[in-house]
Every structure is written in structure tokens, then in C-alpha cells.
C-alpha atoms as a PDB file:
ATOM      1  CA  MET A   1      30.964 -24.282 -24.351  1.00  0.00           C
ATOM      2  CA  ARG A   2      34.317 -24.273 -22.835  1.00  0.00           C
ATOM      3  CA  PRO A   3      36.467 -21.556 -23.758  1.00  0.00           C
ATOM      4  CA  ALA A   4      39.941 -22.058 -25.853  1.00  0.00           C
ATOM      5  CA  ALA A   5      42.871 -23.078 -23.802  1.00  0.00           C
ATOM      6  CA  ALA A   6      45.695 -20.666 -22.904  1.00  0.00           C
ATOM      7  CA  ASN A   7      48.899 -20.373 -21.180  1.00  0.00           C
ATOM      8  CA  PRO A   8      48.182 -21.473 -17.419  1.00  0.00           C
ATOM      9  CA  SER A   9      50.770 -19.277 -16.152  1.00  0.00           C
ATOM     10  CA  THR A  10      49.700 -16.292 -17.239  1.00  0.00           C
ATOM     11  CA  GLU A  11      45.799 -16.795 -16.268  1.00  0.00           C
ATOM     12  CA  LEU A  12      44.312 -15.904 -12.949  1.00  0.00           C
ATOM     13  CA  PHE A  13      41.246 -18.091 -11.653  1.00  0.00           C
ATOM     14  CA  ARG A  14      38.913 -15.879  -9.227  1.00  0.00           C
ATOM     15  CA  CYS A  15      36.889 -17.513  -6.712  1.00  0.00           C
ATOM     16  CA  PRO A  16      34.624 -15.312  -4.225  1.00  0.00           C
ATOM     17  CA  ILE A  17      34.683 -16.204  -0.751  1.00  0.00           C
ATOM     18  CA  ARG A  18      32.423 -14.813   2.118  1.00  0.00           C
ATOM     19  CA  VAL A  19      33.864 -14.787   6.127  1.00  0.00           C
ATOM     20  CA  TYR A  20      31.586 -16.138   8.235  1.00  0.00           C
ATOM     21  CA  TYR A  21      31.544 -16.370  11.952  1.00  0.00           C
ATOM     22  CA  GLU A  22      32.855 -19.943  11.949  1.00  0.00           C
ATOM     23  CA  ASP A  23      36.056 -18.829  10.387  1.00  0.00           C
ATOM     24  CA  THR A  24      36.733 -16.047  12.754  1.00  0.00           C
ATOM     25  CA  ASP A  25      38.034 -16.308  16.098  1.00  0.00           C
ATOM     26  CA  VAL A  26      37.028 -14.208  19.137  1.00  0.00           C
ATOM     27  CA  SER A  27      38.019 -10.922  17.859  1.00  0.00           C
ATOM     28  CA  GLY A  28      36.047 -11.296  14.488  1.00  0.00           C
ATOM     29  CA  VAL A  29      39.297 -11.875  12.868  1.00  0.00           C
ATOM     30  CA  VAL A  30      39.916 -15.113  10.299  1.00  0.00           C
ATOM     31  CA  TYR A  31      41.811 -17.849  12.010  1.00  0.00           C
ATOM     32  CA  HIS A  32      44.868 -18.277  10.594  1.00  0.00           C
ATOM     33  CA  ALA A  33      44.728 -22.041   9.526  1.00  0.00           C
ATOM     34  CA  ASN A  34      40.872 -21.397   7.756  1.00  0.00           C
ATOM     35  CA  TYR A  35      43.315 -19.056   5.120  1.00  0.00           C
ATOM     36  CA  LEU A  36      44.406 -22.402   3.923  1.00  0.00           C
ATOM     37  CA  ARG A  37      40.632 -23.659   3.641  1.00  0.00           C
ATOM     38  CA  PHE A  38      39.849 -20.563   1.532  1.00  0.00           C
ATOM     39  CA  PHE A  39      43.044 -21.553  -0.780  1.00  0.00           C
ATOM     40  CA  GLU A  40      41.935 -25.158  -1.172  1.00  0.00           C
ATOM     41  CA  ARG A  41      38.204 -24.353  -1.962  1.00  0.00           C
ATOM     42  CA  ALA A  42      39.783 -22.050  -4.848  1.00  0.00           C
ATOM     43  CA  ARG A  43      41.801 -24.834  -6.434  1.00  0.00           C
ATOM     44  CA  THR A  44      38.711 -27.205  -5.919  1.00  0.00           C
ATOM     45  CA  GLU A  45      36.828 -24.837  -7.659  1.00  0.00           C
ATOM     46  CA  TRP A  46      39.601 -24.511 -10.495  1.00  0.00           C
ATOM     47  CA  LEU A  47      39.262 -28.215 -11.113  1.00  0.00           C
ATOM     48  CA  ARG A  48      35.497 -27.828 -11.347  1.00  0.00           C
ATOM     49  CA  ALA A  49      35.830 -25.166 -13.836  1.00  0.00           C
ATOM     50  CA  LEU A  50      38.248 -27.491 -15.928  1.00  0.00           C
ATOM     51  CA  GLY A  51      35.206 -30.179 -15.566  1.00  0.00           C
ATOM     52  CA  TYR A  52      36.673 -32.220 -12.969  1.00  0.00           C
ATOM     53  CA  SER A  53      35.631 -32.574  -9.383  1.00  0.00           C
ATOM     54  CA  GLN A  54      37.754 -34.265  -6.875  1.00  0.00           C
ATOM     55  CA  GLU A  55      35.161 -37.225  -6.835  1.00  0.00           C
ATOM     56  CA  ARG A  56      35.316 -37.808 -10.204  1.00  0.00           C
ATOM     57  CA  LEU A  57      39.044 -37.933 -10.103  1.00  0.00           C
ATOM     58  CA  ARG A  58      39.255 -40.140  -7.643  1.00  0.00           C
ATOM     59  CA  LEU A  59      36.484 -42.357  -9.122  1.00  0.00           C
ATOM     60  CA  ASP A  60      37.436 -42.009 -12.997  1.00  0.00           C
ATOM     61  CA  PHE A  61      41.159 -41.867 -13.104  1.00  0.00           C
ATOM     62  CA  GLY A  62      41.931 -43.537  -9.409  1.00  0.00           C
ATOM     63  CA  ILE A  63      43.924 -40.557  -8.351  1.00  0.00           C
ATOM     64  CA  ALA A  64      43.669 -37.633  -5.813  1.00  0.00           C
ATOM     65  CA  PHE A  65      45.945 -34.533  -4.743  1.00  0.00           C
ATOM     66  CA  THR A  66      47.632 -34.075  -1.786  1.00  0.00           C
ATOM     67  CA  VAL A  67      49.735 -31.169  -0.593  1.00  0.00           C
ATOM     68  CA  ALA A  68      53.294 -31.570  -0.431  1.00  0.00           C
ATOM     69  CA  ASP A  69      54.981 -28.181   0.025  1.00  0.00           C
ATOM     70  CA  LEU A  70      53.071 -25.004   1.238  1.00  0.00           C
ATOM     71  CA  SER A  71      54.323 -21.369   1.964  1.00  0.00           C
ATOM     72  CA  ILE A  72      52.161 -18.609   3.023  1.00  0.00           C
ATOM     73  CA  GLN A  73      52.222 -15.340   4.288  1.00  0.00           C
ATOM     74  CA  TYR A  74      49.994 -13.230   6.345  1.00  0.00           C
ATOM     75  CA  ARG A  75      49.735  -9.457   5.525  1.00  0.00           C
ATOM     76  CA  GLN A  76      46.500  -8.122   6.445  1.00  0.00           C
ATOM     77  CA  PRO A  77      43.426  -9.683   8.623  1.00  0.00           C
ATOM     78  CA  ALA A  78      40.475 -10.855   6.901  1.00  0.00           C
ATOM     79  CA  ARG A  79      37.497  -9.993   9.197  1.00  0.00           C
ATOM     80  CA  LEU A  80      33.934 -11.201   9.957  1.00  0.00           C
ATOM     81  CA  ASP A  81      31.549 -10.684   6.670  1.00  0.00           C
ATOM     82  CA  ASP A  82      34.312  -9.575   4.435  1.00  0.00           C
ATOM     83  CA  ALA A  83      33.681 -10.459   0.782  1.00  0.00           C
ATOM     84  CA  LEU A  84      37.035 -11.739  -0.763  1.00  0.00           C
ATOM     85  CA  ILE A  85      38.576 -13.083  -3.831  1.00  0.00           C
ATOM     86  CA  VAL A  86      40.704 -15.934  -3.793  1.00  0.00           C
ATOM     87  CA  THR A  87      43.034 -16.202  -7.010  1.00  0.00           C
ATOM     88  CA  LEU A  88      45.032 -19.089  -8.387  1.00  0.00           C
ATOM     89  CA  ALA A  89      47.688 -19.311 -11.093  1.00  0.00           C
ATOM     90  CA  MET A  90      49.388 -21.940 -11.946  1.00  0.00           C
ATOM     91  CA  ALA A  91      53.271 -21.445 -11.477  1.00  0.00           C
ATOM     92  CA  GLU A  92      54.548 -24.594 -12.571  1.00  0.00           C
ATOM     93  CA  LYS A  93      53.308 -28.077 -13.649  1.00  0.00           C
ATOM     94  CA  ARG A  94      55.589 -31.395 -13.478  1.00  0.00           C
ATOM     95  CA  ARG A  95      54.885 -34.868 -14.680  1.00  0.00           C
ATOM     96  CA  VAL A  96      53.522 -35.575 -10.856  1.00  0.00           C
ATOM     97  CA  SER A  97      53.077 -31.835  -9.295  1.00  0.00           C
ATOM     98  CA  MET A  98      51.233 -28.647  -9.947  1.00  0.00           C
ATOM     99  CA  THR A  99      52.510 -25.639  -7.995  1.00  0.00           C
ATOM    100  CA  PHE A 100      49.860 -23.000  -7.277  1.00  0.00           C
ATOM    101  CA  ALA A 101      50.406 -19.007  -6.894  1.00  0.00           C
ATOM    102  CA  GLN A 102      47.570 -18.088  -4.607  1.00  0.00           C
ATOM    103  CA  SER A 103      46.229 -14.776  -3.269  1.00  0.00           C
ATOM    104  CA  LEU A 104      43.033 -13.606  -0.852  1.00  0.00           C
ATOM    105  CA  LEU A 105      42.375 -10.508  -1.882  1.00  0.00           C
ATOM    106  CA  ASP A 106      39.557  -7.829  -0.559  1.00  0.00           C
ATOM    107  CA  SER A 107      36.701  -8.159  -3.446  1.00  0.00           C
ATOM    108  CA  ALA A 108      36.103  -4.160  -2.765  1.00  0.00           C
ATOM    109  CA  ASP A 109      39.694  -3.156  -3.446  1.00  0.00           C
ATOM    110  CA  ASN A 110      41.557  -5.882  -5.114  1.00  0.00           C
ATOM    111  CA  ALA A 111      44.909  -3.998  -4.717  1.00  0.00           C
ATOM    112  CA  ARG A 112      44.497  -4.988  -0.730  1.00  0.00           C
ATOM    113  CA  VAL A 113      46.033  -8.305  -0.670  1.00  0.00           C
ATOM    114  CA  LEU A 114      45.259 -10.010   2.708  1.00  0.00           C
ATOM    115  CA  SER A 115      47.556 -13.186   1.888  1.00  0.00           C
ATOM    116  CA  VAL A 116      49.597 -14.907  -0.735  1.00  0.00           C
ATOM    117  CA  ALA A 117      50.700 -18.700  -0.900  1.00  0.00           C
ATOM    118  CA  SER A 118      52.855 -21.034  -2.747  1.00  0.00           C
ATOM    119  CA  VAL A 119      51.165 -24.382  -2.668  1.00  0.00           C
ATOM    120  CA  ARG A 120      52.581 -27.727  -4.663  1.00  0.00           C
ATOM    121  CA  VAL A 121      50.018 -30.717  -4.864  1.00  0.00           C
ATOM    122  CA  VAL A 122      51.062 -34.271  -6.085  1.00  0.00           C
ATOM    123  CA  CYS A 123      49.242 -36.447  -7.657  1.00  0.00           C
ATOM    124  CA  VAL A 124      48.655 -39.810  -5.996  1.00  0.00           C
ATOM    125  CA  ASP A 125      47.097 -43.122  -6.395  1.00  0.00           C
ATOM    126  CA  ALA A 126      43.796 -42.533  -4.496  1.00  0.00           C
ATOM    127  CA  HIS A 127      44.368 -46.401  -2.804  1.00  0.00           C
ATOM    128  CA  THR A 128      47.924 -46.542  -2.013  1.00  0.00           C
ATOM    129  CA  PHE A 129      48.828 -42.596  -1.978  1.00  0.00           C
ATOM    130  CA  LYS A 130      51.863 -43.546  -4.022  1.00  0.00           C
ATOM    131  CA  LEU A 131      52.838 -40.888  -6.761  1.00  0.00           C
ATOM    132  CA  ARG A 132      50.800 -41.316  -9.931  1.00  0.00           C
ATOM    133  CA  PRO A 133      51.568 -39.173 -13.162  1.00  0.00           C
ATOM    134  CA  LEU A 134      49.021 -36.392 -13.865  1.00  0.00           C
ATOM    135  CA  PRO A 135      46.222 -37.874 -16.039  1.00  0.00           C
ATOM    136  CA  ASP A 136      46.709 -36.705 -19.567  1.00  0.00           C
ATOM    137  CA  ALA A 137      43.573 -34.446 -19.452  1.00  0.00           C
ATOM    138  CA  LEU A 138      45.722 -32.429 -16.862  1.00  0.00           C
ATOM    139  CA  ASN A 139      48.867 -33.150 -18.174  1.00  0.00           C
ATOM    140  CA  THR A 140      49.012 -31.426 -21.339  1.00  0.00           C
ATOM    141  CA  THR A 141      50.145 -27.878 -21.535  1.00  0.00           C
ATOM    142  CA  PRO A 142      48.126 -26.116 -21.048  1.00  0.00           C
ATOM    143  CA  PRO A 143      45.527 -28.254 -19.246  1.00  0.00           C
ATOM    144  CA  VAL A 144      42.406 -29.040 -20.959  1.00  0.00           C
ATOM    145  CA  GLY A 145      40.112 -26.331 -20.896  1.00  0.00           C
ATOM    146  CA  PHE A 146      41.803 -23.873 -19.144  1.00  0.00           C
ATOM    147  CA  PRO A 147      40.293 -20.389 -20.026  1.00  0.00           C
ATOM    148  CA  ALA A 148      41.615 -18.040 -22.488  1.00  0.00           C
ATOM    149  CA  THR A 149      40.707 -15.029 -20.520  1.00  0.00           C
ATOM    150  CA  PRO A 150      40.663 -14.132 -16.855  1.00  0.00           C
ATOM    151  CA  ILE A 151      37.491 -15.379 -15.099  1.00  0.00           C
ATOM    152  CA  PRO A 152      36.106 -12.544 -12.941  1.00  0.00           C
ATOM    153  CA  VAL A 153      33.756 -14.828 -10.855  1.00  0.00           C
ATOM    154  CA  VAL A 154      33.150 -18.565 -11.892  1.00  0.00           C
ATOM    155  CA  HIS A 155      31.165 -20.147  -9.457  1.00  0.00           C
ATOM    156  CA  ASP A 156      29.373 -18.536  -6.540  1.00  0.00           C
ATOM    157  CA  VAL A 157      30.607 -20.690  -3.994  1.00  0.00           C
ATOM    158  CA  GLN A 158      29.256 -18.593  -1.303  1.00  0.00           C
ATOM    159  CA  LYS A 159      27.089 -19.943   1.344  1.00  0.00           C
ATOM    160  CA  ASN A 160      23.146 -18.579   1.212  1.00  0.00           C
END
């Protein structure tokens, strides 16, 4: 059973992440580009929590999402073996785009913010890459199936 919909701008999706050796540089600190991978995983899991995989969107709707604009601030380093939480909230939704406010937090201390980002994705045709309107299922306010309460942990996407 899917929770009732709520205002997406006030909801916070949370996705657990573990830092692995492959994510770090020689000093054991997460390499800067990997923060973007963590944020991407959370957006993918957010869609999955709404009932849409990236592949289903491509096959059923003929669309894909691509990052059009990105701003990121690195505040504190994440390190090897850290357990982290990536948060996501929809900051803005337009006809062909969604902007997300995302944060990377220390899971042991949610007040410890490691990084914040603003990411705008645009909806494109999966074959031509021309802009396309969001599908009706995602273009409602709020998106269909957006949870009514903050999600402490939706999916355990950590590797075994």
C-alpha cells in the first residue's frame, strides 16, 4: 500500500549510503566526484519509491532524465567506512524539469552536514534527447505516491 501524497517541497526522502574503498582517494577520503554518484543514487531510489525505475520510465514513457544544472558545496570530508544518509527534497517542479535540494549527512550525527547540492534534471525523449514534458504521473502536484511522512530509510541500498 502506497502512502498518501503530500507537498513535495516539505518532504524529505532519505537514502542510506556506505563509503567503500572504491569511493575514496589514497588518503581514505571520498573523492569529490563520488558525492555526485551518491546524490544520483538517492534520486534513483526516490523514483523507485514512487514506483518508477529509470528503465521503466525509458521503456513505458520513452523518457529519461539528464542533469541540466548542478551546484554543490563540500563542507566536511566523508571517509572510508562512513555510514551516510543522502537526503532529497523537491525544491521546484516545472513542465519539463525538477530541481532537488540534496544533502549528505553523517548517519550517526544528522546535524553533521558533509555536502549540499542543488540539482536540476530535465525530462528528455529517450531516443532524441529533446526536451519532453514530465509524464502525468510525475507532473501532478505532488507526484503520485509521494510519501505523507518523512522516510527514515526506504531502501537499504548498501552493498553487502
